[in-house]
Amino acid sequence: MLKNKIFTPKLLSENFSKNFIEIEDLGTKTIFDIFKKKKVDKLKIYKKILVVLIKLQNINSRKIKNFKKKYYKIPNYSKKLIFKEANLFLDWYVPQVINKNKIPKVKKDLKKIITSLIKKIQLPNNTFVHRDFHVSNLMINNNKISIIDSQDAVYGNIAYDLASLIDDVRLKTSKDLKKMIYKNYLNLNKKKINKIKFKNDFEILSVLRNL
């Protein structure tokens, strides 16, 4: 990330055999904290975030040299993995809200819906995906936006991180602002994007992510 001029914590020292690493302290102020204030130009900040997101998506190396000087290949965010993660909803949430006798049928019906949605995803897994790209993982440090919590990065769908950012259930955002962020992203991104397929995948991935 640092090679792509993306601000992220630097590794200061490590003792991997003792499960210890020391990384740069970026402070405590997240974008989420800033958005709690009443008089904040959210769109202005989101535009800056989108610039960072596009830099992130322009990372073209799938191999990363770790602090042990060994190469690590960033995995694919396969449809199989998306299905596995979406199914956690069935195991963790459904039993808490559905009558015990109805759980098997509800799970079966929801699995069909999840499978159907995943089959409708159209764009390829050819983009660096942070996987938790939302305002709680974006910091302000020296007036610059930094990214934390990048350890689960994958190569996946270009729409995924934007869906994470816009449809963040922890943050109340108006429909108008969401539309403006979405529009600004498409205007800023210089890649050739099939807007119909992108919108389709954005909506599906947003649903699956928020289960």
N, C-alpha and C. Protein backbone atom coordinates (compact mmCIF):
# COMPACT_ATOMS: atom_id res chain seq x y z
N MET A 1 0.82 -1.20 0.00
CA MET A 1 0.00 0.00 0.00
C MET A 1 0.86 1.26 0.00
N LEU A 2 1.91 1.23 0.82
CA LEU A 2 2.78 2.41 0.91
C LEU A 2 3.41 2.71 -0.45
N LYS A 3 3.71 1.66 -1.22
CA LYS A 3 4.28 1.87 -2.55
C LYS A 3 3.30 2.57 -3.48
N ASN A 4 2.01 2.42 -3.22
CA ASN A 4 0.98 3.07 -4.02
C ASN A 4 0.52 4.40 -3.41
N LYS A 5 1.34 4.93 -2.51
CA LYS A 5 1.08 6.22 -1.85
C LYS A 5 -0.23 6.20 -1.07
N ILE A 6 -0.48 5.05 -0.43
CA ILE A 6 -1.63 4.91 0.46
C ILE A 6 -1.10 4.87 1.88
N PHE A 7 -1.63 5.74 2.72
CA PHE A 7 -1.12 5.82 4.10
C PHE A 7 -1.72 4.70 4.94
N THR A 8 -0.83 3.94 5.54
CA THR A 8 -1.22 2.80 6.36
C THR A 8 -0.13 2.60 7.41
N PRO A 9 -0.42 1.97 8.54
CA PRO A 9 0.61 1.83 9.59
C PRO A 9 1.86 1.11 9.11
N LYS A 10 3.01 1.66 9.43
CA LYS A 10 4.29 1.03 9.09
C LYS A 10 4.66 0.02 10.18
N LEU A 11 5.32 -1.04 9.76
CA LEU A 11 5.84 -2.02 10.71
C LEU A 11 7.11 -1.46 11.33
N LEU A 12 7.14 -1.35 12.65
CA LEU A 12 8.30 -0.79 13.35
C LEU A 12 9.26 -1.88 13.82
N SER A 13 8.71 -2.95 14.36
CA SER A 13 9.54 -4.08 14.79
C SER A 13 8.66 -5.31 14.93
N GLU A 14 9.31 -6.47 15.03
CA GLU A 14 8.53 -7.71 15.16
C GLU A 14 9.36 -8.80 15.81
N ASN A 15 8.64 -9.69 16.48
CA ASN A 15 9.20 -10.93 16.99
C ASN A 15 8.15 -12.00 16.73
N PHE A 16 8.14 -12.46 15.50
CA PHE A 16 7.06 -13.33 15.05
C PHE A 16 6.99 -14.62 15.86
N SER A 17 8.13 -15.13 16.29
CA SER A 17 8.15 -16.39 17.05
C SER A 17 7.43 -16.25 18.39
N LYS A 18 7.34 -15.01 18.89
CA LYS A 18 6.64 -14.74 20.15
C LYS A 18 5.30 -14.04 19.93
N ASN A 19 4.84 -14.08 18.66
CA ASN A 19 3.55 -13.47 18.31
C ASN A 19 3.49 -11.99 18.65
N PHE A 20 4.54 -11.28 18.30
CA PHE A 20 4.61 -9.86 18.63
C PHE A 20 5.00 -9.04 17.41
N ILE A 21 4.22 -7.99 17.14
CA ILE A 21 4.62 -7.00 16.14
C ILE A 21 4.34 -5.61 16.69
N GLU A 22 5.13 -4.66 16.30
CA GLU A 22 4.94 -3.27 16.69
C GLU A 22 4.70 -2.44 15.43
N ILE A 23 3.56 -1.76 15.39
CA ILE A 23 3.25 -0.94 14.22
C ILE A 23 3.07 0.52 14.61
N GLU A 24 3.11 1.35 13.61
CA GLU A 24 2.98 2.80 13.80
C GLU A 24 1.61 3.14 14.40
N ASP A 25 1.60 4.09 15.34
CA ASP A 25 0.37 4.56 15.97
C ASP A 25 -0.18 5.72 15.15
N LEU A 26 -1.36 5.54 14.60
CA LEU A 26 -1.99 6.58 13.79
C LEU A 26 -2.98 7.42 14.58
N GLY A 27 -2.99 7.25 15.88
CA GLY A 27 -3.90 8.04 16.71
C GLY A 27 -5.22 7.35 16.95
N THR A 28 -6.21 8.12 17.34
CA THR A 28 -7.52 7.55 17.71
C THR A 28 -8.68 8.13 16.91
N LYS A 29 -8.41 9.09 16.05
CA LYS A 29 -9.49 9.78 15.36
C LYS A 29 -9.83 9.09 14.03
N THR A 30 -10.98 8.46 13.99
CA THR A 30 -11.45 7.84 12.75
C THR A 30 -12.42 8.78 12.03
N ILE A 31 -12.68 8.48 10.77
CA ILE A 31 -13.67 9.25 10.01
C ILE A 31 -15.04 9.11 10.67
N PHE A 32 -15.30 7.94 11.22
CA PHE A 32 -16.57 7.71 11.93
C PHE A 32 -16.73 8.71 13.07
N ASP A 33 -15.66 8.96 13.82
CA ASP A 33 -15.69 9.93 14.92
C ASP A 33 -15.98 11.33 14.40
N ILE A 34 -15.38 11.67 13.28
CA ILE A 34 -15.58 13.00 12.69
C ILE A 34 -17.02 13.17 12.24
N PHE A 35 -17.59 12.11 11.68
CA PHE A 35 -18.97 12.18 11.18
C PHE A 35 -20.00 12.30 12.29
N LYS A 36 -19.60 12.05 13.52
CA LYS A 36 -20.52 12.21 14.65
C LYS A 36 -20.81 13.69 14.92
N LYS A 37 -19.90 14.55 14.48
CA LYS A 37 -20.10 15.99 14.67
C LYS A 37 -21.20 16.49 13.75
N LYS A 38 -21.92 17.49 14.19
CA LYS A 38 -23.07 17.98 13.43
C LYS A 38 -22.67 18.74 12.16
N LYS A 39 -21.76 19.67 12.30
CA LYS A 39 -21.40 20.52 11.16
C LYS A 39 -20.16 19.96 10.44
N VAL A 40 -20.42 18.97 9.62
CA VAL A 40 -19.34 18.33 8.87
C VAL A 40 -19.78 18.19 7.41
N ASP A 41 -18.91 18.58 6.50
CA ASP A 41 -19.19 18.41 5.08
C ASP A 41 -18.83 16.98 4.70
N LYS A 42 -19.79 16.08 4.86
CA LYS A 42 -19.53 14.66 4.64
C LYS A 42 -19.12 14.35 3.20
N LEU A 43 -19.78 14.99 2.25
CA LEU A 43 -19.47 14.71 0.85
C LEU A 43 -18.03 15.08 0.53
N LYS A 44 -17.56 16.18 1.07
CA LYS A 44 -16.18 16.62 0.85
C LYS A 44 -15.19 15.56 1.35
N ILE A 45 -15.49 15.01 2.53
CA ILE A 45 -14.62 13.97 3.10
C ILE A 45 -14.73 12.68 2.29
N TYR A 46 -15.95 12.34 1.88
CA TYR A 46 -16.14 11.13 1.08
C TYR A 46 -15.38 11.21 -0.24
N LYS A 47 -15.32 12.39 -0.82
CA LYS A 47 -14.57 12.56 -2.08
C LYS A 47 -13.09 12.23 -1.87
N LYS A 48 -12.55 12.64 -0.72
CA LYS A 48 -11.15 12.32 -0.40
C LYS A 48 -10.98 10.82 -0.18
N ILE A 49 -11.98 10.22 0.45
CA ILE A 49 -11.94 8.77 0.69
C ILE A 49 -11.95 8.02 -0.64
N LEU A 50 -12.75 8.50 -1.59
CA LEU A 50 -12.84 7.84 -2.89
C LEU A 50 -11.52 7.86 -3.64
N VAL A 51 -10.77 8.94 -3.48
CA VAL A 51 -9.44 9.02 -4.09
C VAL A 51 -8.54 7.91 -3.53
N VAL A 52 -8.63 7.70 -2.22
CA VAL A 52 -7.86 6.63 -1.56
C VAL A 52 -8.33 5.27 -2.05
N LEU A 53 -9.63 5.09 -2.16
CA LEU A 53 -10.19 3.81 -2.62
C LEU A 53 -9.69 3.47 -4.02
N ILE A 54 -9.68 4.45 -4.89
CA ILE A 54 -9.24 4.20 -6.27
C ILE A 54 -7.74 3.86 -6.30
N LYS A 55 -6.95 4.51 -5.47
CA LYS A 55 -5.53 4.15 -5.35
C LYS A 55 -5.39 2.69 -4.90
N LEU A 56 -6.23 2.33 -3.96
CA LEU A 56 -6.23 0.95 -3.44
C LEU A 56 -6.55 -0.03 -4.55
N GLN A 57 -7.54 0.32 -5.35
CA GLN A 57 -7.98 -0.58 -6.44
C GLN A 57 -6.98 -0.63 -7.59
N ASN A 58 -6.04 0.29 -7.60
CA ASN A 58 -5.00 0.30 -8.64
C ASN A 58 -3.77 -0.53 -8.26
N ILE A 59 -3.79 -1.12 -7.07
CA ILE A 59 -2.70 -2.03 -6.69
C ILE A 59 -2.75 -3.24 -7.63
N ASN A 60 -1.68 -3.48 -8.34
CA ASN A 60 -1.72 -4.55 -9.35
C ASN A 60 -0.85 -5.75 -9.02
N SER A 61 -0.18 -5.71 -7.89
CA SER A 61 0.64 -6.85 -7.49
C SER A 61 -0.15 -7.78 -6.57
N ARG A 62 -0.14 -9.05 -6.89
CA ARG A 62 -0.85 -10.02 -6.07
C ARG A 62 0.06 -10.68 -5.05
N LYS A 63 1.35 -10.33 -5.10
CA LYS A 63 2.31 -10.90 -4.15
C LYS A 63 2.83 -9.81 -3.22
N ILE A 64 2.86 -10.11 -1.94
CA ILE A 64 3.33 -9.17 -0.93
C ILE A 64 4.48 -9.80 -0.17
N LYS A 65 5.55 -9.05 0.02
CA LYS A 65 6.66 -9.54 0.83
C LYS A 65 6.39 -9.17 2.28
N ASN A 66 6.27 -10.17 3.14
CA ASN A 66 5.98 -9.90 4.54
C ASN A 66 7.26 -9.59 5.33
N PHE A 67 7.11 -9.39 6.65
CA PHE A 67 8.26 -8.99 7.45
C PHE A 67 9.27 -10.12 7.65
N LYS A 68 8.90 -11.34 7.23
CA LYS A 68 9.85 -12.45 7.25
C LYS A 68 10.54 -12.60 5.89
N LYS A 69 10.29 -11.59 5.03
CA LYS A 69 10.87 -11.54 3.69
C LYS A 69 10.44 -12.73 2.83
N LYS A 70 9.23 -13.20 3.10
CA LYS A 70 8.64 -14.25 2.29
C LYS A 70 7.43 -13.68 1.55
N TYR A 71 7.21 -14.20 0.35
CA TYR A 71 6.11 -13.68 -0.46
C TYR A 71 4.79 -14.38 -0.10
N TYR A 72 3.77 -13.55 -0.01
CA TYR A 72 2.42 -14.03 0.30
C TYR A 72 1.52 -13.65 -0.86
N LYS A 73 0.80 -14.61 -1.40
CA LYS A 73 -0.10 -14.33 -2.51
C LYS A 73 -1.49 -13.98 -1.98
N ILE A 74 -1.99 -12.84 -2.40
CA ILE A 74 -3.32 -12.40 -1.98
C ILE A 74 -4.36 -13.34 -2.59
N PRO A 75 -5.22 -13.95 -1.77
CA PRO A 75 -6.18 -14.93 -2.30
C PRO A 75 -7.33 -14.30 -3.08
N ASN A 76 -8.00 -15.12 -3.86
CA ASN A 76 -9.20 -14.69 -4.58
C ASN A 76 -10.39 -14.67 -3.64
N TYR A 77 -11.25 -13.67 -3.82
CA TYR A 77 -12.50 -13.63 -3.06
C TYR A 77 -13.54 -14.38 -3.89
N SER A 78 -13.44 -15.68 -3.86
CA SER A 78 -14.27 -16.54 -4.71
C SER A 78 -15.73 -16.50 -4.29
N LYS A 79 -16.59 -16.93 -5.20
CA LYS A 79 -18.02 -17.00 -4.89
C LYS A 79 -18.27 -18.02 -3.78
N LYS A 80 -17.43 -19.04 -3.74
CA LYS A 80 -17.54 -20.05 -2.67
C LYS A 80 -17.30 -19.41 -1.31
N LEU A 81 -16.31 -18.52 -1.23
CA LEU A 81 -16.01 -17.85 0.03
C LEU A 81 -17.11 -16.85 0.40
N ILE A 82 -17.63 -16.14 -0.60
CA ILE A 82 -18.74 -15.21 -0.36
C ILE A 82 -19.94 -15.97 0.20
N PHE A 83 -20.21 -17.15 -0.38
CA PHE A 83 -21.32 -17.99 0.09
C PHE A 83 -21.10 -18.43 1.53
N LYS A 84 -19.88 -18.84 1.83
CA LYS A 84 -19.54 -19.29 3.18
C LYS A 84 -19.76 -18.18 4.20
N GLU A 85 -19.34 -16.97 3.86
CA GLU A 85 -19.50 -15.84 4.78
C GLU A 85 -20.96 -15.44 4.94
N ALA A 86 -21.70 -15.45 3.84
CA ALA A 86 -23.12 -15.09 3.91
C ALA A 86 -23.89 -16.09 4.76
N ASN A 87 -23.46 -17.33 4.75
CA ASN A 87 -24.14 -18.38 5.52
C ASN A 87 -23.93 -18.26 7.03
N LEU A 88 -22.97 -17.44 7.44
CA LEU A 88 -22.81 -17.20 8.88
C LEU A 88 -24.07 -16.56 9.45
N PHE A 89 -24.77 -15.80 8.61
CA PHE A 89 -26.04 -15.18 9.00
C PHE A 89 -27.04 -16.26 9.42
N LEU A 90 -27.03 -17.36 8.70
CA LEU A 90 -27.96 -18.45 8.99
C LEU A 90 -27.62 -19.14 10.31
N ASP A 91 -26.34 -19.23 10.60
CA ASP A 91 -25.91 -19.93 11.82
C ASP A 91 -25.97 -19.05 13.07
N TRP A 92 -25.69 -17.77 12.90
CA TRP A 92 -25.57 -16.89 14.06
C TRP A 92 -26.85 -16.09 14.36
N TYR A 93 -27.54 -15.66 13.32
CA TYR A 93 -28.67 -14.75 13.54
C TYR A 93 -30.02 -15.46 13.50
N VAL A 94 -30.22 -16.27 12.49
CA VAL A 94 -31.53 -16.91 12.31
C VAL A 94 -32.00 -17.65 13.56
N PRO A 95 -31.16 -18.45 14.23
CA PRO A 95 -31.62 -19.16 15.43
C PRO A 95 -32.05 -18.24 16.57
N GLN A 96 -31.59 -16.99 16.53
CA GLN A 96 -31.94 -16.04 17.59
C GLN A 96 -33.32 -15.42 17.41
N VAL A 97 -33.84 -15.44 16.17
CA VAL A 97 -35.09 -14.72 15.89
C VAL A 97 -36.21 -15.60 15.32
N ILE A 98 -35.88 -16.83 14.97
CA ILE A 98 -36.87 -17.72 14.36
C ILE A 98 -37.21 -18.86 15.30
N ASN A 99 -38.49 -19.22 15.31
CA ASN A 99 -38.94 -20.35 16.12
C ASN A 99 -38.16 -21.62 15.75
N LYS A 100 -37.77 -22.37 16.76
CA LYS A 100 -36.89 -23.53 16.57
C LYS A 100 -37.42 -24.50 15.51
N ASN A 101 -38.72 -24.72 15.50
CA ASN A 101 -39.32 -25.67 14.56
C ASN A 101 -39.26 -25.18 13.11
N LYS A 102 -39.16 -23.87 12.94
CA LYS A 102 -39.16 -23.29 11.59
C LYS A 102 -37.75 -23.06 11.03
N ILE A 103 -36.74 -23.19 11.89
CA ILE A 103 -35.36 -22.88 11.48
C ILE A 103 -34.90 -23.66 10.24
N PRO A 104 -35.10 -24.99 10.17
CA PRO A 104 -34.62 -25.73 8.98
C PRO A 104 -35.19 -25.20 7.67
N LYS A 105 -36.49 -24.91 7.65
CA LYS A 105 -37.11 -24.41 6.41
C LYS A 105 -36.61 -23.01 6.07
N VAL A 106 -36.51 -22.16 7.09
CA VAL A 106 -36.04 -20.79 6.86
C VAL A 106 -34.61 -20.81 6.31
N LYS A 107 -33.77 -21.64 6.90
CA LYS A 107 -32.38 -21.75 6.42
C LYS A 107 -32.34 -22.24 4.97
N LYS A 108 -33.16 -23.23 4.66
CA LYS A 108 -33.20 -23.78 3.31
C LYS A 108 -33.63 -22.71 2.30
N ASP A 109 -34.67 -21.95 2.65
CA ASP A 109 -35.18 -20.91 1.76
C ASP A 109 -34.15 -19.79 1.56
N LEU A 110 -33.50 -19.39 2.66
CA LEU A 110 -32.51 -18.32 2.58
C LEU A 110 -31.27 -18.76 1.80
N LYS A 111 -30.89 -20.02 1.95
CA LYS A 111 -29.75 -20.53 1.18
C LYS A 111 -30.02 -20.45 -0.32
N LYS A 112 -31.26 -20.74 -0.70
CA LYS A 112 -31.64 -20.65 -2.11
C LYS A 112 -31.52 -19.21 -2.61
N ILE A 113 -31.96 -18.27 -1.78
CA ILE A 113 -31.89 -16.85 -2.15
C ILE A 113 -30.44 -16.40 -2.26
N ILE A 114 -29.62 -16.77 -1.27
CA ILE A 114 -28.20 -16.40 -1.28
C ILE A 114 -27.50 -16.98 -2.50
N THR A 115 -27.77 -18.25 -2.79
CA THR A 115 -27.16 -18.91 -3.95
C THR A 115 -27.56 -18.21 -5.24
N SER A 116 -28.84 -17.85 -5.33
CA SER A 116 -29.35 -17.16 -6.52
C SER A 116 -28.67 -15.80 -6.71
N LEU A 117 -28.49 -15.07 -5.62
CA LEU A 117 -27.84 -13.76 -5.70
C LEU A 117 -26.38 -13.89 -6.15
N ILE A 118 -25.68 -14.84 -5.56
CA ILE A 118 -24.26 -15.02 -5.89
C ILE A 118 -24.08 -15.40 -7.36
N LYS A 119 -24.99 -16.21 -7.88
CA LYS A 119 -24.92 -16.60 -9.29
C LYS A 119 -25.11 -15.41 -10.23
N LYS A 120 -25.76 -14.37 -9.74
CA LYS A 120 -26.03 -13.19 -10.57
C LYS A 120 -24.89 -12.17 -10.56
N ILE A 121 -23.86 -12.40 -9.74
CA ILE A 121 -22.69 -11.52 -9.75
C ILE A 121 -21.98 -11.67 -11.10
N GLN A 122 -21.67 -10.54 -11.75
CA GLN A 122 -21.20 -10.60 -13.13
C GLN A 122 -19.73 -10.23 -13.33
N LEU A 123 -19.20 -9.31 -12.52
CA LEU A 123 -17.84 -8.82 -12.74
C LEU A 123 -16.80 -9.79 -12.19
N PRO A 124 -15.60 -9.82 -12.77
CA PRO A 124 -14.56 -10.77 -12.35
C PRO A 124 -13.83 -10.34 -11.07
N ASN A 125 -13.10 -11.28 -10.49
CA ASN A 125 -12.27 -10.99 -9.30
C ASN A 125 -10.89 -10.52 -9.76
N ASN A 126 -10.81 -9.25 -10.16
CA ASN A 126 -9.55 -8.74 -10.71
C ASN A 126 -9.09 -7.44 -10.04
N THR A 127 -9.61 -7.17 -8.84
CA THR A 127 -9.32 -5.90 -8.17
C THR A 127 -8.93 -6.14 -6.71
N PHE A 128 -7.96 -5.37 -6.25
CA PHE A 128 -7.57 -5.42 -4.83
C PHE A 128 -8.75 -4.96 -3.99
N VAL A 129 -9.16 -5.78 -3.04
CA VAL A 129 -10.31 -5.48 -2.17
C VAL A 129 -9.86 -5.48 -0.72
N HIS A 130 -10.08 -4.37 -0.03
CA HIS A 130 -9.70 -4.26 1.38
C HIS A 130 -10.55 -5.19 2.22
N ARG A 131 -11.84 -5.23 1.90
CA ARG A 131 -12.82 -6.14 2.51
C ARG A 131 -13.52 -5.55 3.74
N ASP A 132 -12.91 -4.54 4.37
CA ASP A 132 -13.57 -3.84 5.47
C ASP A 132 -13.38 -2.34 5.30
N PHE A 133 -13.67 -1.87 4.10
CA PHE A 133 -13.43 -0.47 3.75
C PHE A 133 -14.63 0.37 4.19
N HIS A 134 -14.59 0.84 5.42
CA HIS A 134 -15.65 1.69 5.95
C HIS A 134 -15.03 2.73 6.88
N VAL A 135 -15.84 3.70 7.31
CA VAL A 135 -15.30 4.87 8.00
C VAL A 135 -14.67 4.56 9.36
N SER A 136 -14.99 3.41 9.95
CA SER A 136 -14.36 3.04 11.22
C SER A 136 -12.93 2.55 11.02
N ASN A 137 -12.59 2.19 9.80
CA ASN A 137 -11.23 1.74 9.48
C ASN A 137 -10.44 2.78 8.69
N LEU A 138 -10.95 4.00 8.67
CA LEU A 138 -10.26 5.10 8.00
C LEU A 138 -9.93 6.15 9.04
N MET A 139 -8.66 6.49 9.13
CA MET A 139 -8.17 7.42 10.15
C MET A 139 -7.76 8.75 9.53
N ILE A 140 -7.81 9.80 10.35
CA ILE A 140 -7.25 11.09 9.95
C ILE A 140 -5.97 11.29 10.73
N ASN A 141 -4.87 11.42 10.01
CA ASN A 141 -3.56 11.59 10.64
C ASN A 141 -2.79 12.64 9.85
N ASN A 142 -2.44 13.75 10.51
CA ASN A 142 -1.76 14.87 9.83
C ASN A 142 -2.55 15.33 8.60
N ASN A 143 -3.86 15.39 8.78
CA ASN A 143 -4.78 15.84 7.73
C ASN A 143 -4.80 14.92 6.50
N LYS A 144 -4.34 13.69 6.68
CA LYS A 144 -4.34 12.73 5.59
C LYS A 144 -5.13 11.50 6.02
N ILE A 145 -5.78 10.88 5.05
CA ILE A 145 -6.58 9.69 5.34
C ILE A 145 -5.69 8.45 5.29
N SER A 146 -5.75 7.67 6.35
CA SER A 146 -4.98 6.42 6.44
C SER A 146 -5.94 5.24 6.59
N ILE A 147 -5.48 4.08 6.16
CA ILE A 147 -6.30 2.86 6.23
C ILE A 147 -5.71 1.90 7.25
N ILE A 148 -6.57 1.32 8.07
CA ILE A 148 -6.14 0.28 9.00
C ILE A 148 -6.92 -1.01 8.71
N ASP A 149 -6.56 -2.08 9.41
CA ASP A 149 -7.28 -3.35 9.36
C ASP A 149 -7.29 -3.96 7.95
N SER A 150 -6.10 -4.04 7.36
CA SER A 150 -6.00 -4.50 5.97
C SER A 150 -5.62 -5.97 5.84
N GLN A 151 -5.57 -6.68 6.94
CA GLN A 151 -5.01 -8.04 6.92
C GLN A 151 -5.87 -9.06 6.17
N ASP A 152 -7.13 -8.74 5.92
CA ASP A 152 -8.01 -9.69 5.23
C ASP A 152 -8.19 -9.35 3.75
N ALA A 153 -7.28 -8.57 3.19
CA ALA A 153 -7.40 -8.15 1.79
C ALA A 153 -7.43 -9.35 0.85
N VAL A 154 -8.18 -9.20 -0.23
CA VAL A 154 -8.32 -10.25 -1.24
C VAL A 154 -8.35 -9.61 -2.63
N TYR A 155 -8.32 -10.45 -3.65
CA TYR A 155 -8.59 -9.97 -5.00
C TYR A 155 -10.02 -10.36 -5.32
N GLY A 156 -10.85 -9.34 -5.57
CA GLY A 156 -12.26 -9.62 -5.76
C GLY A 156 -12.94 -8.63 -6.67
N ASN A 157 -14.22 -8.44 -6.42
CA ASN A 157 -15.08 -7.61 -7.26
C ASN A 157 -14.84 -6.13 -7.00
N ILE A 158 -14.72 -5.34 -8.07
CA ILE A 158 -14.41 -3.92 -7.95
C ILE A 158 -15.50 -3.15 -7.20
N ALA A 159 -16.71 -3.68 -7.15
CA ALA A 159 -17.82 -2.98 -6.48
C ALA A 159 -17.85 -3.21 -4.97
N TYR A 160 -17.09 -4.18 -4.47
CA TYR A 160 -17.23 -4.61 -3.08
C TYR A 160 -16.90 -3.51 -2.07
N ASP A 161 -15.74 -2.89 -2.19
CA ASP A 161 -15.33 -1.89 -1.19
C ASP A 161 -16.21 -0.65 -1.23
N LEU A 162 -16.71 -0.29 -2.40
CA LEU A 162 -17.61 0.86 -2.47
C LEU A 162 -18.92 0.54 -1.76
N ALA A 163 -19.40 -0.69 -1.91
CA ALA A 163 -20.61 -1.13 -1.20
C ALA A 163 -20.39 -1.09 0.31
N SER A 164 -19.19 -1.49 0.74
CA SER A 164 -18.85 -1.45 2.17
C SER A 164 -18.88 -0.03 2.70
N LEU A 165 -18.37 0.89 1.89
CA LEU A 165 -18.28 2.29 2.30
C LEU A 165 -19.65 2.96 2.34
N ILE A 166 -20.44 2.78 1.30
CA ILE A 166 -21.72 3.49 1.18
C ILE A 166 -22.79 2.89 2.08
N ASP A 167 -22.91 1.58 2.06
CA ASP A 167 -23.98 0.92 2.83
C ASP A 167 -23.45 0.36 4.14
N ASP A 168 -22.90 1.25 4.93
CA ASP A 168 -22.35 0.90 6.25
C ASP A 168 -23.46 1.05 7.28
N VAL A 169 -23.90 -0.07 7.85
CA VAL A 169 -25.06 -0.05 8.76
C VAL A 169 -24.77 0.67 10.07
N ARG A 170 -23.49 0.90 10.37
CA ARG A 170 -23.14 1.60 11.62
C ARG A 170 -23.29 3.10 11.51
N LEU A 171 -23.53 3.57 10.29
CA LEU A 171 -23.56 5.01 10.05
C LEU A 171 -24.84 5.39 9.31
N LYS A 172 -25.57 6.36 9.85
CA LYS A 172 -26.78 6.83 9.18
C LYS A 172 -26.38 7.78 8.05
N THR A 173 -26.78 7.41 6.85
CA THR A 173 -26.45 8.20 5.66
C THR A 173 -27.69 8.35 4.81
N SER A 174 -27.97 9.56 4.36
CA SER A 174 -29.16 9.80 3.55
C SER A 174 -29.03 9.15 2.17
N LYS A 175 -30.16 8.87 1.56
CA LYS A 175 -30.16 8.28 0.22
C LYS A 175 -29.50 9.21 -0.79
N ASP A 176 -29.74 10.51 -0.62
CA ASP A 176 -29.14 11.49 -1.54
C ASP A 176 -27.62 11.47 -1.45
N LEU A 177 -27.09 11.40 -0.23
CA LEU A 177 -25.64 11.37 -0.06
C LEU A 177 -25.06 10.08 -0.65
N LYS A 178 -25.75 8.98 -0.42
CA LYS A 178 -25.29 7.70 -0.98
C LYS A 178 -25.21 7.78 -2.51
N LYS A 179 -26.22 8.38 -3.11
CA LYS A 179 -26.23 8.51 -4.58
C LYS A 179 -25.09 9.40 -5.06
N MET A 180 -24.80 10.46 -4.32
CA MET A 180 -23.73 11.38 -4.70
C MET A 180 -22.36 10.71 -4.58
N ILE A 181 -22.17 9.92 -3.52
CA ILE A 181 -20.90 9.19 -3.35
C ILE A 181 -20.72 8.21 -4.51
N TYR A 182 -21.77 7.49 -4.83
CA TYR A 182 -21.73 6.50 -5.92
C TYR A 182 -21.39 7.18 -7.24
N LYS A 183 -22.07 8.29 -7.53
CA LYS A 183 -21.85 9.03 -8.77
C LYS A 183 -20.43 9.57 -8.84
N ASN A 184 -19.94 10.12 -7.72
CA ASN A 184 -18.59 10.67 -7.67
C ASN A 184 -17.54 9.59 -7.91
N TYR A 185 -17.78 8.41 -7.38
CA TYR A 185 -16.85 7.30 -7.59
C TYR A 185 -16.71 6.99 -9.07
N LEU A 186 -17.84 6.85 -9.75
CA LEU A 186 -17.81 6.53 -11.18
C LEU A 186 -17.14 7.63 -11.99
N ASN A 187 -17.32 8.88 -11.57
CA ASN A 187 -16.69 10.01 -12.27
C ASN A 187 -15.18 10.03 -12.05
N LEU A 188 -14.75 9.66 -10.84
CA LEU A 188 -13.33 9.70 -10.49
C LEU A 188 -12.54 8.53 -11.07
N ASN A 189 -13.19 7.39 -11.16
CA ASN A 189 -12.50 6.17 -11.60
C ASN A 189 -12.28 6.21 -13.12
N LYS A 190 -11.03 6.09 -13.52
CA LYS A 190 -10.68 6.18 -14.94
C LYS A 190 -10.73 4.82 -15.64
N LYS A 191 -11.00 3.76 -14.89
CA LYS A 191 -11.09 2.44 -15.51
C LYS A 191 -12.38 2.35 -16.33
N LYS A 192 -12.34 1.50 -17.35
CA LYS A 192 -13.55 1.26 -18.12
C LYS A 192 -14.45 0.31 -17.33
N ILE A 193 -15.55 0.84 -16.86
CA ILE A 193 -16.45 0.06 -16.02
C ILE A 193 -17.80 -0.09 -16.72
N ASN A 194 -18.27 -1.30 -16.82
CA ASN A 194 -19.62 -1.54 -17.31
C ASN A 194 -20.59 -1.14 -16.20
N LYS A 195 -21.24 0.01 -16.37
CA LYS A 195 -22.04 0.59 -15.28
C LYS A 195 -23.25 -0.27 -14.91
N ILE A 196 -23.78 -0.97 -15.88
CA ILE A 196 -24.95 -1.83 -15.59
C ILE A 196 -24.53 -3.02 -14.73
N LYS A 197 -23.43 -3.67 -15.13
CA LYS A 197 -22.92 -4.80 -14.34
C LYS A 197 -22.43 -4.34 -12.97
N PHE A 198 -21.80 -3.16 -12.95
CA PHE A 198 -21.28 -2.63 -11.69
C PHE A 198 -22.42 -2.38 -10.70
N LYS A 199 -23.49 -1.76 -11.17
CA LYS A 199 -24.64 -1.47 -10.30
C LYS A 199 -25.27 -2.78 -9.81
N ASN A 200 -25.39 -3.74 -10.70
CA ASN A 200 -25.93 -5.05 -10.33
C ASN A 200 -25.12 -5.67 -9.20
N ASP A 201 -23.80 -5.70 -9.38
CA ASP A 201 -22.93 -6.34 -8.38
C ASP A 201 -22.86 -5.54 -7.10
N PHE A 202 -22.86 -4.22 -7.22
CA PHE A 202 -22.86 -3.34 -6.04
C PHE A 202 -24.04 -3.68 -5.13
N GLU A 203 -25.22 -3.78 -5.71
CA GLU A 203 -26.44 -4.03 -4.93
C GLU A 203 -26.43 -5.43 -4.31
N ILE A 204 -25.99 -6.42 -5.08
CA ILE A 204 -25.94 -7.79 -4.56
C ILE A 204 -24.93 -7.91 -3.42
N LEU A 205 -23.73 -7.37 -3.64
CA LEU A 205 -22.67 -7.48 -2.63
C LEU A 205 -23.02 -6.71 -1.36
N SER A 206 -23.74 -5.61 -1.52
CA SER A 206 -24.17 -4.84 -0.36
C SER A 206 -25.11 -5.67 0.51
N VAL A 207 -26.05 -6.36 -0.13
CA VAL A 207 -26.99 -7.22 0.60
C VAL A 207 -26.24 -8.34 1.31
N LEU A 208 -25.38 -9.03 0.58
CA LEU A 208 -24.66 -10.17 1.15
C LEU A 208 -23.73 -9.75 2.28
N ARG A 209 -23.08 -8.60 2.11
CA ARG A 209 -22.16 -8.12 3.14
C ARG A 209 -22.90 -7.77 4.43
N ASN A 210 -24.10 -7.25 4.29
CA ASN A 210 -24.82 -6.76 5.46
C ASN A 210 -25.74 -7.80 6.11
N LEU A 211 -25.68 -9.02 5.62
CA LEU A 211 -26.46 -10.08 6.28
C LEU A 211 -25.95 -10.30 7.70
